[in-house]
Amino acid sequence: MKKKTILWITIPLLLVGFVIVNWNYISQSIEWKMNWGFDAPRPSKIETIFNTRYGFPNEGQTFHILKYWSIEKKLKENNGWIPIDEESFDTVSSHLKKFQKDAASMNKDTQNLTVLFQENPVTYDNNDKYFYKLEEDNSYILAISNAKEQKLFVMQCIQ
């Protein structure tokens, strides 16, 4: 009888603990899937670099860095991921510059954002992958995977 009681207490506590520990990823993952059709594999760590959106569905930008043990195996081209090569490298660079410019123009504290971008540079090379989707209202998401650093940079701009 004691074993059953311990199990009935332990299992719900573990589930609640899992949700609490992973809440940032779970909430972001649901939003990305619903709004963009974008799936991000579960990371070992997620960092929110900045978030100028206070509540859903407010306008603003978010910038997250997801860290992985091994990301490359988890991203599939048929899920919207596009390989970065010589032809697409400039496209990715222009999307990134547009996000940085939009973030600076829509926020009062642009100096702080500039520092955040310098302290958390978005890096990528040929053979990495990216995901980009633009909506009719000019809202967009840009995600760039860096296989060498095992990171996924996810930037959203909601307008």
C-alpha atoms as a PDB file:
ATOM      1  CA  MET A   1       0.000   0.000   0.000  1.00  0.00           C
ATOM      2  CA  LYS A   2       2.847   2.403   0.794  1.00  0.00           C
ATOM      3  CA  LYS A   3       4.459   1.782  -2.602  1.00  0.00           C
ATOM      4  CA  LYS A   4       1.247   2.684  -4.443  1.00  0.00           C
ATOM      5  CA  THR A   5       0.844   5.858  -2.398  1.00  0.00           C
ATOM      6  CA  ILE A   6       4.431   6.868  -3.082  1.00  0.00           C
ATOM      7  CA  LEU A   7       3.933   6.222  -6.806  1.00  0.00           C
ATOM      8  CA  TRP A   8       0.693   8.238  -6.875  1.00  0.00           C
ATOM      9  CA  ILE A   9       2.518  11.171  -5.290  1.00  0.00           C
ATOM     10  CA  THR A  10       5.849  10.882  -7.127  1.00  0.00           C
ATOM     11  CA  ILE A  11       4.590  10.584 -10.718  1.00  0.00           C
ATOM     12  CA  PRO A  12       2.406  13.745 -10.663  1.00  0.00           C
ATOM     13  CA  LEU A  13       5.222  15.668  -8.958  1.00  0.00           C
ATOM     14  CA  LEU A  14       7.663  14.584 -11.666  1.00  0.00           C
ATOM     15  CA  LEU A  15       5.223  15.654 -14.385  1.00  0.00           C
ATOM     16  CA  VAL A  16       4.649  19.049 -12.779  1.00  0.00           C
ATOM     17  CA  GLY A  17       8.412  19.460 -12.338  1.00  0.00           C
ATOM     18  CA  PHE A  18       9.004  18.632 -16.008  1.00  0.00           C
ATOM     19  CA  VAL A  19       6.446  21.220 -17.144  1.00  0.00           C
ATOM     20  CA  ILE A  20       7.870  23.903 -14.826  1.00  0.00           C
ATOM     21  CA  VAL A  21      11.463  23.294 -15.952  1.00  0.00           C
ATOM     22  CA  ASN A  22      10.520  23.258 -19.644  1.00  0.00           C
ATOM     23  CA  TRP A  23       7.757  25.917 -19.602  1.00  0.00           C
ATOM     24  CA  ASN A  24       9.718  28.492 -21.637  1.00  0.00           C
ATOM     25  CA  TYR A  25      10.359  25.972 -24.407  1.00  0.00           C
ATOM     26  CA  ILE A  26       6.850  24.495 -24.263  1.00  0.00           C
ATOM     27  CA  SER A  27       5.120  27.873 -24.549  1.00  0.00           C
ATOM     28  CA  GLN A  28       7.443  29.044 -27.336  1.00  0.00           C
ATOM     29  CA  SER A  29       7.134  25.761 -29.182  1.00  0.00           C
ATOM     30  CA  ILE A  30       3.327  25.945 -29.163  1.00  0.00           C
ATOM     31  CA  GLU A  31       3.376  29.551 -30.401  1.00  0.00           C
ATOM     32  CA  TRP A  32       5.903  28.773 -33.157  1.00  0.00           C
ATOM     33  CA  LYS A  33       3.916  25.756 -34.335  1.00  0.00           C
ATOM     34  CA  MET A  34       0.559  27.576 -34.323  1.00  0.00           C
ATOM     35  CA  ASN A  35       1.735  30.842 -35.889  1.00  0.00           C
ATOM     36  CA  TRP A  36       4.479  29.752 -38.239  1.00  0.00           C
ATOM     37  CA  GLY A  37       4.273  26.001 -38.780  1.00  0.00           C
ATOM     38  CA  PHE A  38       7.788  25.955 -37.323  1.00  0.00           C
ATOM     39  CA  ASP A  39       8.998  23.008 -35.267  1.00  0.00           C
ATOM     40  CA  ALA A  40      12.036  23.404 -33.053  1.00  0.00           C
ATOM     41  CA  PRO A  41      13.452  20.249 -31.524  1.00  0.00           C
ATOM     42  CA  ARG A  42      13.595  20.175 -27.731  1.00  0.00           C
ATOM     43  CA  PRO A  43      16.830  21.917 -26.654  1.00  0.00           C
ATOM     44  CA  SER A  44      19.112  21.157 -23.738  1.00  0.00           C
ATOM     45  CA  LYS A  45      18.944  24.882 -22.872  1.00  0.00           C
ATOM     46  CA  ILE A  46      16.953  27.919 -24.069  1.00  0.00           C
ATOM     47  CA  GLU A  47      18.039  31.528 -23.551  1.00  0.00           C
ATOM     48  CA  THR A  48      15.790  34.514 -24.126  1.00  0.00           C
ATOM     49  CA  ILE A  49      18.142  37.262 -25.305  1.00  0.00           C
ATOM     50  CA  PHE A  50      15.353  39.814 -25.496  1.00  0.00           C
ATOM     51  CA  ASN A  51      11.597  39.950 -25.629  1.00  0.00           C
ATOM     52  CA  THR A  52       9.765  43.167 -26.427  1.00  0.00           C
ATOM     53  CA  ARG A  53       6.423  41.360 -26.674  1.00  0.00           C
ATOM     54  CA  TYR A  54       4.589  41.483 -23.395  1.00  0.00           C
ATOM     55  CA  GLY A  55       1.777  38.984 -23.697  1.00  0.00           C
ATOM     56  CA  PHE A  56       0.211  37.264 -26.658  1.00  0.00           C
ATOM     57  CA  PRO A  57      -0.411  38.466 -29.449  1.00  0.00           C
ATOM     58  CA  ASN A  58       1.310  41.816 -28.839  1.00  0.00           C
ATOM     59  CA  GLU A  59       3.580  43.417 -31.392  1.00  0.00           C
ATOM     60  CA  GLY A  60       7.320  43.320 -30.878  1.00  0.00           C
ATOM     61  CA  GLN A  61      10.338  41.106 -31.278  1.00  0.00           C
ATOM     62  CA  THR A  62      11.802  38.089 -29.568  1.00  0.00           C
ATOM     63  CA  PHE A  63      15.263  36.600 -29.882  1.00  0.00           C
ATOM     64  CA  HIS A  64      15.996  33.155 -28.448  1.00  0.00           C
ATOM     65  CA  ILE A  65      19.067  30.959 -28.562  1.00  0.00           C
ATOM     66  CA  LEU A  66      18.385  27.249 -28.187  1.00  0.00           C
ATOM     67  CA  LYS A  67      21.359  25.028 -27.377  1.00  0.00           C
ATOM     68  CA  TYR A  68      21.613  21.356 -28.295  1.00  0.00           C
ATOM     69  CA  TRP A  69      23.820  18.340 -27.846  1.00  0.00           C
ATOM     70  CA  SER A  70      23.318  17.532 -31.539  1.00  0.00           C
ATOM     71  CA  ILE A  71      21.023  19.652 -33.685  1.00  0.00           C
ATOM     72  CA  GLU A  72      21.888  18.712 -37.259  1.00  0.00           C
ATOM     73  CA  LYS A  73      20.218  15.303 -37.128  1.00  0.00           C
ATOM     74  CA  LYS A  74      16.975  16.859 -35.869  1.00  0.00           C
ATOM     75  CA  LEU A  75      16.387  19.350 -38.700  1.00  0.00           C
ATOM     76  CA  LYS A  76      14.830  18.055 -41.885  1.00  0.00           C
ATOM     77  CA  GLU A  77      14.518  19.980 -45.137  1.00  0.00           C
ATOM     78  CA  ASN A  78      10.962  18.736 -45.647  1.00  0.00           C
ATOM     79  CA  ASN A  79       9.962  20.689 -42.510  1.00  0.00           C
ATOM     80  CA  GLY A  80      10.820  24.009 -44.189  1.00  0.00           C
ATOM     81  CA  TRP A  81      14.527  24.081 -43.368  1.00  0.00           C
ATOM     82  CA  ILE A  82      16.638  25.396 -46.240  1.00  0.00           C
ATOM     83  CA  PRO A  83      20.363  24.674 -46.540  1.00  0.00           C
ATOM     84  CA  ILE A  84      22.631  27.702 -46.393  1.00  0.00           C
ATOM     85  CA  ASP A  85      24.911  27.676 -49.397  1.00  0.00           C
ATOM     86  CA  GLU A  86      26.663  30.244 -51.594  1.00  0.00           C
ATOM     87  CA  GLU A  87      23.378  31.221 -53.228  1.00  0.00           C
ATOM     88  CA  SER A  88      21.322  31.607 -50.034  1.00  0.00           C
ATOM     89  CA  PHE A  89      24.044  33.047 -47.765  1.00  0.00           C
ATOM     90  CA  ASP A  90      23.284  36.653 -48.779  1.00  0.00           C
ATOM     91  CA  THR A  91      19.534  36.063 -48.365  1.00  0.00           C
ATOM     92  CA  VAL A  92      20.034  34.861 -44.794  1.00  0.00           C
ATOM     93  CA  SER A  93      22.315  37.834 -44.083  1.00  0.00           C
ATOM     94  CA  SER A  94      19.716  40.295 -45.373  1.00  0.00           C
ATOM     95  CA  HIS A  95      16.941  38.658 -43.292  1.00  0.00           C
ATOM     96  CA  LEU A  96      19.164  38.920 -40.196  1.00  0.00           C
ATOM     97  CA  LYS A  97      20.031  42.575 -40.871  1.00  0.00           C
ATOM     98  CA  LYS A  98      16.332  43.345 -41.403  1.00  0.00           C
ATOM     99  CA  PHE A  99      15.475  41.787 -38.021  1.00  0.00           C
ATOM    100  CA  GLN A 100      18.190  43.799 -36.282  1.00  0.00           C
ATOM    101  CA  LYS A 101      17.036  47.002 -38.007  1.00  0.00           C
ATOM    102  CA  ASP A 102      13.359  46.327 -37.207  1.00  0.00           C
ATOM    103  CA  ALA A 103      14.185  45.599 -33.567  1.00  0.00           C
ATOM    104  CA  ALA A 104      16.144  48.842 -33.300  1.00  0.00           C
ATOM    105  CA  SER A 105      13.493  50.954 -35.016  1.00  0.00           C
ATOM    106  CA  MET A 106      10.572  49.591 -32.973  1.00  0.00           C
ATOM    107  CA  ASN A 107      12.222  49.938 -29.562  1.00  0.00           C
ATOM    108  CA  LYS A 108      13.349  52.977 -27.614  1.00  0.00           C
ATOM    109  CA  ASP A 109      16.408  51.335 -26.064  1.00  0.00           C
ATOM    110  CA  THR A 110      18.272  50.665 -29.313  1.00  0.00           C
ATOM    111  CA  GLN A 111      21.699  51.018 -27.705  1.00  0.00           C
ATOM    112  CA  ASN A 112      20.925  48.125 -25.360  1.00  0.00           C
ATOM    113  CA  LEU A 113      19.698  45.989 -28.295  1.00  0.00           C
ATOM    114  CA  THR A 114      22.904  46.728 -30.212  1.00  0.00           C
ATOM    115  CA  VAL A 115      24.924  45.532 -27.230  1.00  0.00           C
ATOM    116  CA  LEU A 116      22.775  42.384 -26.965  1.00  0.00           C
ATOM    117  CA  PHE A 117      23.382  41.580 -30.644  1.00  0.00           C
ATOM    118  CA  GLN A 118      27.130  42.107 -30.161  1.00  0.00           C
ATOM    119  CA  GLU A 119      27.213  39.919 -27.047  1.00  0.00           C
ATOM    120  CA  ASN A 120      25.084  37.198 -28.706  1.00  0.00           C
ATOM    121  CA  PRO A 121      26.133  37.140 -32.344  1.00  0.00           C
ATOM    122  CA  VAL A 122      24.107  35.050 -34.767  1.00  0.00           C
ATOM    123  CA  THR A 123      26.688  32.899 -36.495  1.00  0.00           C
ATOM    124  CA  TYR A 124      26.287  30.527 -39.412  1.00  0.00           C
ATOM    125  CA  ASP A 125      28.227  29.037 -42.295  1.00  0.00           C
ATOM    126  CA  ASN A 126      27.651  27.271 -45.541  1.00  0.00           C
ATOM    127  CA  ASN A 127      26.072  23.866 -44.831  1.00  0.00           C
ATOM    128  CA  ASP A 128      24.008  25.227 -41.913  1.00  0.00           C
ATOM    129  CA  LYS A 129      20.230  25.627 -42.315  1.00  0.00           C
ATOM    130  CA  TYR A 130      17.620  28.326 -41.943  1.00  0.00           C
ATOM    131  CA  PHE A 131      13.851  28.702 -41.741  1.00  0.00           C
ATOM    132  CA  TYR A 132      12.081  31.901 -42.815  1.00  0.00           C
ATOM    133  CA  LYS A 133       8.402  32.707 -43.090  1.00  0.00           C
ATOM    134  CA  LEU A 134       6.806  36.078 -43.872  1.00  0.00           C
ATOM    135  CA  GLU A 135       3.127  36.794 -43.226  1.00  0.00           C
ATOM    136  CA  GLU A 136       0.831  39.232 -45.046  1.00  0.00           C
ATOM    137  CA  ASP A 137       1.034  41.744 -42.171  1.00  0.00           C
ATOM    138  CA  ASN A 138       4.869  41.766 -42.510  1.00  0.00           C
ATOM    139  CA  SER A 139       5.340  39.684 -39.371  1.00  0.00           C
ATOM    140  CA  TYR A 140       8.060  37.084 -39.790  1.00  0.00           C
ATOM    141  CA  ILE A 141      10.181  34.442 -38.165  1.00  0.00           C
ATOM    142  CA  LEU A 142      13.823  33.695 -38.914  1.00  0.00           C
ATOM    143  CA  ALA A 143      15.539  30.659 -37.446  1.00  0.00           C
ATOM    144  CA  ILE A 144      19.166  29.824 -38.182  1.00  0.00           C
ATOM    145  CA  SER A 145      20.832  26.613 -37.096  1.00  0.00           C
ATOM    146  CA  ASN A 146      24.555  26.435 -36.486  1.00  0.00           C
ATOM    147  CA  ALA A 147      25.660  22.798 -36.498  1.00  0.00           C
ATOM    148  CA  LYS A 148      29.223  23.588 -35.421  1.00  0.00           C
ATOM    149  CA  GLU A 149      28.101  25.472 -32.283  1.00  0.00           C
ATOM    150  CA  GLN A 150      24.994  23.244 -31.796  1.00  0.00           C
ATOM    151  CA  LYS A 151      22.739  26.309 -31.570  1.00  0.00           C
ATOM    152  CA  LEU A 152      19.470  27.429 -33.047  1.00  0.00           C
ATOM    153  CA  PHE A 153      18.875  31.190 -33.236  1.00  0.00           C
ATOM    154  CA  VAL A 154      15.163  32.058 -33.418  1.00  0.00           C
ATOM    155  CA  MET A 155      14.029  35.615 -34.129  1.00  0.00           C
ATOM    156  CA  GLN A 156      10.402  36.729 -34.416  1.00  0.00           C
ATOM    157  CA  CYS A 157       8.999  40.086 -35.414  1.00  0.00           C
ATOM    158  CA  ILE A 158       5.267  40.535 -34.880  1.00  0.00           C
ATOM    159  CA  GLN A 159       3.737  43.644 -36.441  1.00  0.00           C
END
